[in-house]
Every structure is written in C-alpha cells, then in structure tokens.
Amino acid sequence: MTIDRIGPLNKILTSSNEAKLKKGSKTSKGDIVELSPEAKKMAEFSQVKTKVEGVSDVRKELTPQRIKALRDKLENPDEYLTKEVAEKIAEKVAESFGIK
C-alpha cells in the first residue's frame, strides 16, 4: 500500500492559515496607539533631562581664582568698566529686551 499524499489535512491547514491572515489584515487598518498622560510626561522629562545634562555647569567654572577676580572687578569698577565694556553690556541688555 502506498500513500501518495495526505490531501484533506494539508487543505485544512492551508485554508485556516489563509483565513487568519485575511481576518488579521482587516483589523490592522484601524489600529491606533495612544500614550497615557504619564507616558507623555515621562517622555517630556527625558527630553528635558537630556538637554540639562548637555549644559555645562557654571559652578565648575567658578574656581577660587575666578571668584577673586570677579570680586576685584566689583570692588574696583573704574578699572574694569571701560567704554567698550559698557557698550557691550548695553547691547546685551537691548538684545534681551528685543530692542536690537
């Protein structure tokens, strides 16, 4: 006795797999993804954290020598505050107010 092929079994498996694929393709068109408010806040926090980590820390640049130099400039403004420095300060203030 020879068995050439198992006909009905293969047809049943193939037809049920095709039915699953057809059925799944109909529902995938309407799928949507929504993030919870908590997930949105966490994503925003992560972005802000990345930006903050990229900024240099000003306190690291304030060495005792730098603090002494700044203190000397504040105590003796006539030596530091020249016309050029005053003009630069005025330009920066004007830019911050959107005047220039």
Protein backbone atom coordinates (compact mmCIF):
# COMPACT_ATOMS: atom_id res chain seq x y z
CA MET A 1 0.00 0.00 0.00
CA THR A 2 1.34 3.42 -0.94
CA ILE A 3 0.21 6.77 0.28
CA ASP A 4 0.79 9.44 -2.29
CA ARG A 5 -0.23 12.41 -0.19
CA ILE A 6 -2.43 13.43 2.60
CA GLY A 7 -4.89 15.59 0.78
CA PRO A 8 -7.55 16.87 3.15
CA LEU A 9 -5.18 17.59 6.05
CA ASN A 10 -3.00 19.98 4.04
CA LYS A 11 -6.02 21.75 2.60
CA ILE A 12 -7.49 22.30 6.05
CA LEU A 13 -4.27 23.74 7.47
CA THR A 14 -3.75 25.98 4.46
CA SER A 15 -7.28 27.25 4.42
CA SER A 16 -7.31 28.03 8.15
CA ASN A 17 -3.99 29.94 7.91
CA GLU A 18 -5.29 31.96 4.99
CA ALA A 19 -8.45 32.77 6.92
CA LYS A 20 -6.39 34.01 9.87
CA LEU A 21 -4.28 36.22 7.61
CA LYS A 22 -7.28 37.69 5.87
CA LYS A 23 -9.05 38.29 9.15
CA GLY A 24 -5.96 39.93 10.73
CA SER A 25 -5.36 42.25 7.77
CA LYS A 26 -8.83 43.76 8.14
CA THR A 27 -8.29 44.77 11.76
CA SER A 28 -4.77 46.15 11.29
CA LYS A 29 -6.07 49.09 9.22
CA GLY A 30 -7.91 50.59 12.17
CA ASP A 31 -5.27 50.05 14.86
CA ILE A 32 -4.14 53.13 16.75
CA VAL A 33 -1.69 53.75 19.56
CA GLU A 34 -2.36 56.21 22.36
CA LEU A 35 0.09 57.24 25.05
CA SER A 36 -1.09 57.79 28.57
CA PRO A 37 -0.59 61.21 30.17
CA GLU A 38 2.04 59.65 32.45
CA ALA A 39 3.98 58.32 29.44
CA LYS A 40 3.84 61.76 27.81
CA LYS A 41 5.17 63.39 30.98
CA MET A 42 7.96 60.82 31.21
CA ALA A 43 8.95 61.46 27.58
CA GLU A 44 8.99 65.21 28.18
CA PHE A 45 11.04 64.73 31.35
CA SER A 46 13.52 62.57 29.45
CA GLN A 47 13.96 65.26 26.78
CA VAL A 48 14.48 67.99 29.39
CA LYS A 49 16.92 65.80 31.31
CA THR A 50 18.97 65.20 28.16
CA LYS A 51 19.14 68.95 27.47
CA VAL A 52 20.12 69.77 31.04
CA GLU A 53 22.85 67.13 31.08
CA GLY A 54 24.32 68.69 27.93
CA VAL A 55 24.72 72.14 29.52
CA SER A 56 27.99 72.92 31.25
CA ASP A 57 27.85 73.56 34.97
CA VAL A 58 28.67 77.19 35.74
CA ARG A 59 29.68 76.32 39.29
CA LYS A 60 32.55 74.17 37.99
CA GLU A 61 33.96 77.21 36.20
CA LEU A 62 33.91 79.30 39.39
CA THR A 63 37.29 78.47 40.85
CA PRO A 64 38.60 80.42 43.83
CA GLN A 65 40.84 82.40 41.46
CA ARG A 66 37.88 83.28 39.24
CA ILE A 67 35.80 84.36 42.25
CA LYS A 68 38.64 86.58 43.47
CA ALA A 69 38.96 88.18 40.02
CA LEU A 70 35.21 88.86 39.89
CA ARG A 71 35.23 90.28 43.41
CA ASP A 72 38.12 92.61 42.47
CA LYS A 73 36.19 93.83 39.41
CA LEU A 74 33.14 94.60 41.54
CA GLU A 75 35.21 96.41 44.16
CA ASN A 76 37.09 98.49 41.57
CA PRO A 77 34.63 99.17 38.71
CA ASP A 78 36.67 102.11 37.36
CA GLU A 79 39.49 99.76 36.33
CA TYR A 80 37.15 97.26 34.70
CA LEU A 81 34.21 99.28 33.38
CA THR A 82 35.58 100.88 30.25
CA LYS A 83 33.55 102.43 27.46
CA GLU A 84 33.82 99.24 25.38
CA VAL A 85 32.60 97.05 28.24
CA ALA A 86 29.69 99.42 28.94
CA GLU A 87 28.69 99.32 25.25
CA LYS A 88 28.78 95.50 25.21
CA ILE A 89 26.63 95.38 28.34
CA ALA A 90 24.15 97.82 26.81
CA GLU A 91 23.97 95.73 23.61
CA LYS A 92 23.29 92.54 25.58
CA VAL A 93 20.57 94.24 27.62
CA ALA A 94 18.96 95.63 24.46
CA GLU A 95 19.06 92.18 22.80
CA SER A 96 17.45 90.58 25.84
CA PHE A 97 14.55 93.03 25.59
CA GLY A 98 14.32 92.56 21.83
CA ILE A 99 15.23 96.16 21.06
CA LYS A 100 18.15 95.37 18.78
